[in-house]
Amino acid sequence: MLISLLGLSFFVLSSNYKKTMLEEIYYLCRHVNMTYTDCMFMPTFERKFFVNMLIEEFNKKNEQVEKQNNKIRR
């Protein structure tokens, strides 16, 4: 909690949260072709859902690549 110049206290998001949010927005813009504005106005739970889906997709692709590499090495 921070105190403003007026002496009133208010809630401020941590810089760590802001960095994480911007990273999520970056990945959604880069890999899902969403606009920055869409991501900024998207509810948090939706943004997290899309990021988790993207992670799952990347994990599946990585598993497939590893399987193919293992087949080639044999």
PDB file of N, CA and C in Angstrom:
ATOM      1  N   MET A   1       0.844  -1.166   0.000  1.00  0.00           N
ATOM      2  CA  MET A   1       0.000   0.000   0.000  1.00  0.00           C
ATOM      3  C   MET A   1       0.895   1.236   0.000  1.00  0.00           C
ATOM      4  N   LEU A   2       0.584   2.182  -0.850  1.00  0.00           N
ATOM      5  CA  LEU A   2       1.355   3.410  -0.942  1.00  0.00           C
ATOM      6  C   LEU A   2       0.530   4.590  -0.467  1.00  0.00           C
ATOM      7  N   ILE A   3       1.221   5.643  -0.099  1.00  0.00           N
ATOM      8  CA  ILE A   3       0.533   6.856   0.333  1.00  0.00           C
ATOM      9  C   ILE A   3       0.767   7.924  -0.729  1.00  0.00           C
ATOM     10  N   SER A   4      -0.303   8.511  -1.191  1.00  0.00           N
ATOM     11  CA  SER A   4      -0.195   9.531  -2.228  1.00  0.00           C
ATOM     12  C   SER A   4       0.228  10.854  -1.612  1.00  0.00           C
ATOM     13  N   LEU A   5       0.468  11.815  -2.483  1.00  0.00           N
ATOM     14  CA  LEU A   5       0.831  13.144  -2.009  1.00  0.00           C
ATOM     15  C   LEU A   5      -0.276  13.774  -1.174  1.00  0.00           C
ATOM     16  N   LEU A   6      -1.495  13.345  -1.385  1.00  0.00           N
ATOM     17  CA  LEU A   6      -2.630  13.865  -0.631  1.00  0.00           C
ATOM     18  C   LEU A   6      -2.787  13.161   0.717  1.00  0.00           C
ATOM     19  N   GLY A   7      -1.984  12.146   0.976  1.00  0.00           N
ATOM     20  CA  GLY A   7      -2.057  11.443   2.234  1.00  0.00           C
ATOM     21  C   GLY A   7      -3.031  10.281   2.215  1.00  0.00           C
ATOM     22  N   LEU A   8      -3.709  10.054   1.094  1.00  0.00           N
ATOM     23  CA  LEU A   8      -4.645   8.951   1.001  1.00  0.00           C
ATOM     24  C   LEU A   8      -3.902   7.701   0.551  1.00  0.00           C
ATOM     25  N   SER A   9      -4.267   6.569   1.118  1.00  0.00           N
ATOM     26  CA  SER A   9      -3.624   5.331   0.697  1.00  0.00           C
ATOM     27  C   SER A   9      -4.490   4.657  -0.357  1.00  0.00           C
ATOM     28  N   PHE A  10      -3.846   3.943  -1.257  1.00  0.00           N
ATOM     29  CA  PHE A  10      -4.558   3.262  -2.324  1.00  0.00           C
ATOM     30  C   PHE A  10      -3.749   2.056  -2.764  1.00  0.00           C
ATOM     31  N   PHE A  11      -4.405   1.161  -3.467  1.00  0.00           N
ATOM     32  CA  PHE A  11      -3.761  -0.053  -3.946  1.00  0.00           C
ATOM     33  C   PHE A  11      -3.056   0.218  -5.262  1.00  0.00           C
ATOM     34  N   VAL A  12      -1.824  -0.251  -5.375  1.00  0.00           N
ATOM     35  CA  VAL A  12      -1.046  -0.102  -6.597  1.00  0.00           C
ATOM     36  C   VAL A  12      -0.513  -1.469  -6.986  1.00  0.00           C
ATOM     37  N   LEU A  13      -0.617  -1.812  -8.265  1.00  0.00           N
ATOM     38  CA  LEU A  13      -0.079  -3.076  -8.736  1.00  0.00           C
ATOM     39  C   LEU A  13       1.437  -3.054  -8.659  1.00  0.00           C
ATOM     40  N   SER A  14       2.021  -4.170  -8.265  1.00  0.00           N
ATOM     41  CA  SER A  14       3.473  -4.239  -8.156  1.00  0.00           C
ATOM     42  C   SER A  14       4.114  -4.193  -9.538  1.00  0.00           C
ATOM     43  N   SER A  15       5.366  -3.795  -9.569  1.00  0.00           N
ATOM     44  CA  SER A  15       6.074  -3.747 -10.849  1.00  0.00           C
ATOM     45  C   SER A  15       6.260  -5.158 -11.399  1.00  0.00           C
ATOM     46  N   ASN A  16       6.344  -6.158 -10.523  1.00  0.00           N
ATOM     47  CA  ASN A  16       6.467  -7.546 -10.965  1.00  0.00           C
ATOM     48  C   ASN A  16       5.198  -7.976 -11.701  1.00  0.00           C
ATOM     49  N   TYR A  17       4.032  -7.604 -11.175  1.00  0.00           N
ATOM     50  CA  TYR A  17       2.769  -7.941 -11.834  1.00  0.00           C
ATOM     51  C   TYR A  17       2.682  -7.247 -13.192  1.00  0.00           C
ATOM     52  N   LYS A  18       3.079  -5.988 -13.232  1.00  0.00           N
ATOM     53  CA  LYS A  18       3.021  -5.238 -14.495  1.00  0.00           C
ATOM     54  C   LYS A  18       3.920  -5.881 -15.541  1.00  0.00           C
ATOM     55  N   LYS A  19       5.116  -6.313 -15.106  1.00  0.00           N
ATOM     56  CA  LYS A  19       6.046  -6.957 -16.037  1.00  0.00           C
ATOM     57  C   LYS A  19       5.443  -8.259 -16.563  1.00  0.00           C
ATOM     58  N   THR A  20       4.855  -9.043 -15.680  1.00  0.00           N
ATOM     59  CA  THR A  20       4.237 -10.305 -16.077  1.00  0.00           C
ATOM     60  C   THR A  20       3.088 -10.058 -17.048  1.00  0.00           C
ATOM     61  N   MET A  21       2.264  -9.064 -16.755  1.00  0.00           N
ATOM     62  CA  MET A  21       1.139  -8.743 -17.623  1.00  0.00           C
ATOM     63  C   MET A  21       1.621  -8.321 -19.010  1.00  0.00           C
ATOM     64  N   LEU A  22       2.650  -7.500 -19.063  1.00  0.00           N
ATOM     65  CA  LEU A  22       3.180  -7.066 -20.353  1.00  0.00           C
ATOM     66  C   LEU A  22       3.790  -8.232 -21.130  1.00  0.00           C
ATOM     67  N   GLU A  23       4.422  -9.163 -20.424  1.00  0.00           N
ATOM     68  CA  GLU A  23       4.963 -10.342 -21.099  1.00  0.00           C
ATOM     69  C   GLU A  23       3.834 -11.182 -21.689  1.00  0.00           C
ATOM     70  N   GLU A  24       2.757 -11.349 -20.926  1.00  0.00           N
ATOM     71  CA  GLU A  24       1.606 -12.095 -21.440  1.00  0.00           C
ATOM     72  C   GLU A  24       1.045 -11.425 -22.689  1.00  0.00           C
ATOM     73  N   ILE A  25       0.915 -10.120 -22.632  1.00  0.00           N
ATOM     74  CA  ILE A  25       0.385  -9.367 -23.773  1.00  0.00           C
ATOM     75  C   ILE A  25       1.315  -9.511 -24.977  1.00  0.00           C
ATOM     76  N   TYR A  26       2.611  -9.444 -24.737  1.00  0.00           N
ATOM     77  CA  TYR A  26       3.578  -9.602 -25.821  1.00  0.00           C
ATOM     78  C   TYR A  26       3.395 -10.947 -26.521  1.00  0.00           C
ATOM     79  N   TYR A  27       3.316 -12.033 -25.725  1.00  0.00           N
ATOM     80  CA  TYR A  27       3.182 -13.361 -26.322  1.00  0.00           C
ATOM     81  C   TYR A  27       1.868 -13.522 -27.066  1.00  0.00           C
ATOM     82  N   LEU A  28       0.801 -12.966 -26.540  1.00  0.00           N
ATOM     83  CA  LEU A  28      -0.486 -13.054 -27.230  1.00  0.00           C
ATOM     84  C   LEU A  28      -0.469 -12.251 -28.528  1.00  0.00           C
ATOM     85  N   CYS A  29       0.155 -11.097 -28.503  1.00  0.00           N
ATOM     86  CA  CYS A  29       0.240 -10.279 -29.723  1.00  0.00           C
ATOM     87  C   CYS A  29       1.131 -10.967 -30.760  1.00  0.00           C
ATOM     88  N   ARG A  30       2.236 -11.521 -30.309  1.00  0.00           N
ATOM     89  CA  ARG A  30       3.213 -12.119 -31.236  1.00  0.00           C
ATOM     90  C   ARG A  30       2.738 -13.448 -31.811  1.00  0.00           C
ATOM     91  N   HIS A  31       2.179 -14.308 -30.971  1.00  0.00           N
ATOM     92  CA  HIS A  31       1.884 -15.669 -31.409  1.00  0.00           C
ATOM     93  C   HIS A  31       0.416 -15.921 -31.735  1.00  0.00           C
ATOM     94  N   VAL A  32      -0.477 -15.110 -31.207  1.00  0.00           N
ATOM     95  CA  VAL A  32      -1.903 -15.317 -31.444  1.00  0.00           C
ATOM     96  C   VAL A  32      -2.473 -14.198 -32.315  1.00  0.00           C
ATOM     97  N   ASN A  33      -1.647 -13.212 -32.604  1.00  0.00           N
ATOM     98  CA  ASN A  33      -2.031 -12.072 -33.439  1.00  0.00           C
ATOM     99  C   ASN A  33      -3.193 -11.264 -32.865  1.00  0.00           C
ATOM    100  N   MET A  34      -3.229 -11.166 -31.537  1.00  0.00           N
ATOM    101  CA  MET A  34      -4.198 -10.281 -30.899  1.00  0.00           C
ATOM    102  C   MET A  34      -3.594  -8.883 -30.873  1.00  0.00           C
ATOM    103  N   THR A  35      -4.438  -7.884 -30.833  1.00  0.00           N
ATOM    104  CA  THR A  35      -3.916  -6.523 -30.753  1.00  0.00           C
ATOM    105  C   THR A  35      -3.613  -6.174 -29.301  1.00  0.00           C
ATOM    106  N   TYR A  36      -2.730  -5.222 -29.137  1.00  0.00           N
ATOM    107  CA  TYR A  36      -2.378  -4.748 -27.789  1.00  0.00           C
ATOM    108  C   TYR A  36      -3.624  -4.235 -27.073  1.00  0.00           C
ATOM    109  N   THR A  37      -4.445  -3.503 -27.788  1.00  0.00           N
ATOM    110  CA  THR A  37      -5.660  -2.946 -27.197  1.00  0.00           C
ATOM    111  C   THR A  37      -6.607  -4.053 -26.751  1.00  0.00           C
ATOM    112  N   ASP A  38      -6.772  -5.088 -27.583  1.00  0.00           N
ATOM    113  CA  ASP A  38      -7.626  -6.212 -27.202  1.00  0.00           C
ATOM    114  C   ASP A  38      -7.140  -6.843 -25.905  1.00  0.00           C
ATOM    115  N   CYS A  39      -5.844  -7.046 -25.807  1.00  0.00           N
ATOM    116  CA  CYS A  39      -5.277  -7.680 -24.615  1.00  0.00           C
ATOM    117  C   CYS A  39      -5.404  -6.791 -23.377  1.00  0.00           C
ATOM    118  N   MET A  40      -5.212  -5.510 -23.555  1.00  0.00           N
ATOM    119  CA  MET A  40      -5.291  -4.593 -22.409  1.00  0.00           C
ATOM    120  C   MET A  40      -6.696  -4.531 -21.834  1.00  0.00           C
ATOM    121  N   PHE A  41      -7.705  -4.594 -22.675  1.00  0.00           N
ATOM    122  CA  PHE A  41      -9.072  -4.486 -22.191  1.00  0.00           C
ATOM    123  C   PHE A  41      -9.716  -5.836 -21.911  1.00  0.00           C
ATOM    124  N   MET A  42      -8.968  -6.906 -22.147  1.00  0.00           N
ATOM    125  CA  MET A  42      -9.464  -8.255 -21.893  1.00  0.00           C
ATOM    126  C   MET A  42      -9.443  -8.518 -20.386  1.00  0.00           C
ATOM    127  N   PRO A  43     -10.480  -9.156 -19.861  1.00  0.00           N
ATOM    128  CA  PRO A  43     -10.449  -9.526 -18.440  1.00  0.00           C
ATOM    129  C   PRO A  43      -9.262 -10.441 -18.146  1.00  0.00           C
ATOM    130  N   THR A  44      -8.733 -10.338 -16.957  1.00  0.00           N
ATOM    131  CA  THR A  44      -7.549 -11.098 -16.581  1.00  0.00           C
ATOM    132  C   THR A  44      -7.731 -12.593 -16.785  1.00  0.00           C
ATOM    133  N   PHE A  45      -8.893 -13.128 -16.381  1.00  0.00           N
ATOM    134  CA  PHE A  45      -9.096 -14.574 -16.500  1.00  0.00           C
ATOM    135  C   PHE A  45      -9.070 -15.019 -17.957  1.00  0.00           C
ATOM    136  N   GLU A  46      -9.533 -14.186 -18.881  1.00  0.00           N
ATOM    137  CA  GLU A  46      -9.484 -14.544 -20.303  1.00  0.00           C
ATOM    138  C   GLU A  46      -8.054 -14.510 -20.820  1.00  0.00           C
ATOM    139  N   ARG A  47      -7.314 -13.479 -20.431  1.00  0.00           N
ATOM    140  CA  ARG A  47      -5.923 -13.378 -20.865  1.00  0.00           C
ATOM    141  C   ARG A  47      -5.129 -14.569 -20.357  1.00  0.00           C
ATOM    142  N   LYS A  48      -5.328 -14.946 -19.093  1.00  0.00           N
ATOM    143  CA  LYS A  48      -4.634 -16.097 -18.521  1.00  0.00           C
ATOM    144  C   LYS A  48      -5.023 -17.382 -19.257  1.00  0.00           C
ATOM    145  N   PHE A  49      -6.292 -17.500 -19.614  1.00  0.00           N
ATOM    146  CA  PHE A  49      -6.759 -18.676 -20.348  1.00  0.00           C
ATOM    147  C   PHE A  49      -6.024 -18.802 -21.677  1.00  0.00           C
ATOM    148  N   PHE A  50      -5.949 -17.707 -22.440  1.00  0.00           N
ATOM    149  CA  PHE A  50      -5.280 -17.743 -23.737  1.00  0.00           C
ATOM    150  C   PHE A  50      -3.790 -18.035 -23.593  1.00  0.00           C
ATOM    151  N   VAL A  51      -3.166 -17.477 -22.573  1.00  0.00           N
ATOM    152  CA  VAL A  51      -1.740 -17.741 -22.347  1.00  0.00           C
ATOM    153  C   VAL A  51      -1.539 -19.218 -22.013  1.00  0.00           C
ATOM    154  N   ASN A  52      -2.397 -19.772 -21.167  1.00  0.00           N
ATOM    155  CA  ASN A  52      -2.271 -21.189 -20.815  1.00  0.00           C
ATOM    156  C   ASN A  52      -2.507 -22.088 -22.023  1.00  0.00           C
ATOM    157  N   MET A  53      -3.438 -21.731 -22.873  1.00  0.00           N
ATOM    158  CA  MET A  53      -3.670 -22.507 -24.090  1.00  0.00           C
ATOM    159  C   MET A  53      -2.448 -22.446 -25.014  1.00  0.00           C
ATOM    160  N   LEU A  54      -1.846 -21.283 -25.108  1.00  0.00           N
ATOM    161  CA  LEU A  54      -0.645 -21.123 -25.921  1.00  0.00           C
ATOM    162  C   LEU A  54       0.492 -21.985 -25.371  1.00  0.00           C
ATOM    163  N   ILE A  55       0.650 -22.008 -24.063  1.00  0.00           N
ATOM    164  CA  ILE A  55       1.679 -22.834 -23.432  1.00  0.00           C
ATOM    165  C   ILE A  55       1.437 -24.312 -23.728  1.00  0.00           C
ATOM    166  N   GLU A  56       0.178 -24.741 -23.606  1.00  0.00           N
ATOM    167  CA  GLU A  56      -0.152 -26.140 -23.911  1.00  0.00           C
ATOM    168  C   GLU A  56       0.172 -26.479 -25.367  1.00  0.00           C
ATOM    169  N   GLU A  57      -0.149 -25.580 -26.259  1.00  0.00           N
ATOM    170  CA  GLU A  57       0.133 -25.806 -27.679  1.00  0.00           C
ATOM    171  C   GLU A  57       1.632 -25.938 -27.928  1.00  0.00           C
ATOM    172  N   PHE A  58       2.412 -25.040 -27.321  1.00  0.00           N
ATOM    173  CA  PHE A  58       3.870 -25.111 -27.480  1.00  0.00           C
ATOM    174  C   PHE A  58       4.424 -26.402 -26.885  1.00  0.00           C
ATOM    175  N   ASN A  59       3.889 -26.814 -25.739  1.00  0.00           N
ATOM    176  CA  ASN A  59       4.355 -28.059 -25.121  1.00  0.00           C
ATOM    177  C   ASN A  59       4.070 -29.259 -26.013  1.00  0.00           C
ATOM    178  N   LYS A  60       2.893 -29.301 -26.622  1.00  0.00           N
ATOM    179  CA  LYS A  60       2.550 -30.402 -27.529  1.00  0.00           C
ATOM    180  C   LYS A  60       3.471 -30.415 -28.739  1.00  0.00           C
ATOM    181  N   LYS A  61       3.740 -29.242 -29.296  1.00  0.00           N
ATOM    182  CA  LYS A  61       4.647 -29.169 -30.444  1.00  0.00           C
ATOM    183  C   LYS A  61       6.047 -29.631 -30.060  1.00  0.00           C
ATOM    184  N   ASN A  62       6.511 -29.232 -28.876  1.00  0.00           N
ATOM    185  CA  ASN A  62       7.834 -29.650 -28.417  1.00  0.00           C
ATOM    186  C   ASN A  62       7.906 -31.155 -28.226  1.00  0.00           C
ATOM    187  N   GLU A  63       6.842 -31.740 -27.695  1.00  0.00           N
ATOM    188  CA  GLU A  63       6.806 -33.193 -27.528  1.00  0.00           C
ATOM    189  C   GLU A  63       6.879 -33.898 -28.878  1.00  0.00           C
ATOM    190  N   GLN A  64       6.160 -33.383 -29.867  1.00  0.00           N
ATOM    191  CA  GLN A  64       6.183 -33.974 -31.203  1.00  0.00           C
ATOM    192  C   GLN A  64       7.573 -33.880 -31.814  1.00  0.00           C
ATOM    193  N   VAL A  65       8.222 -32.748 -31.632  1.00  0.00           N
ATOM    194  CA  VAL A  65       9.574 -32.567 -32.166  1.00  0.00           C
ATOM    195  C   VAL A  65      10.532 -33.540 -31.488  1.00  0.00           C
ATOM    196  N   GLU A  66      10.395 -33.690 -30.164  1.00  0.00           N
ATOM    197  CA  GLU A  66      11.256 -34.631 -29.447  1.00  0.00           C
ATOM    198  C   GLU A  66      11.029 -36.061 -29.929  1.00  0.00           C
ATOM    199  N   LYS A  67       9.786 -36.447 -30.169  1.00  0.00           N
ATOM    200  CA  LYS A  67       9.491 -37.787 -30.679  1.00  0.00           C
ATOM    201  C   LYS A  67      10.131 -37.997 -32.049  1.00  0.00           C
ATOM    202  N   GLN A  68      10.019 -36.990 -32.897  1.00  0.00           N
ATOM    203  CA  GLN A  68      10.618 -37.090 -34.229  1.00  0.00           C
ATOM    204  C   GLN A  68      12.143 -37.195 -34.128  1.00  0.00           C
ATOM    205  N   ASN A  69      12.734 -36.416 -33.246  1.00  0.00           N
ATOM    206  CA  ASN A  69      14.192 -36.463 -33.067  1.00  0.00           C
ATOM    207  C   ASN A  69      14.630 -37.824 -32.540  1.00  0.00           C
ATOM    208  N   ASN A  70      13.851 -38.379 -31.628  1.00  0.00           N
ATOM    209  CA  ASN A  70      14.177 -39.705 -31.091  1.00  0.00           C
ATOM    210  C   ASN A  70      14.087 -40.776 -32.174  1.00  0.00           C
ATOM    211  N   LYS A  71      13.117 -40.659 -33.067  1.00  0.00           N
ATOM    212  CA  LYS A  71      12.981 -41.613 -34.170  1.00  0.00           C
ATOM    213  C   LYS A  71      14.175 -41.525 -35.110  1.00  0.00           C
ATOM    214  N   ILE A  72      14.618 -40.312 -35.368  1.00  0.00           N
ATOM    215  CA  ILE A  72      15.747 -40.109 -36.285  1.00  0.00           C
ATOM    216  C   ILE A  72      17.025 -40.662 -35.681  1.00  0.00           C
ATOM    217  N   ARG A  73      17.219 -40.520 -34.399  1.00  0.00           N
ATOM    218  CA  ARG A  73      18.443 -40.968 -33.731  1.00  0.00           C
ATOM    219  C   ARG A  73      18.544 -42.480 -33.670  1.00  0.00           C
ATOM    220  N   ARG A  74      17.445 -43.183 -33.747  1.00  0.00           N
ATOM    221  CA  ARG A  74      17.480 -44.647 -33.635  1.00  0.00           C
ATOM    222  C   ARG A  74      17.974 -45.277 -34.865  1.00  0.00           C
TER     223      ARG A  74
END
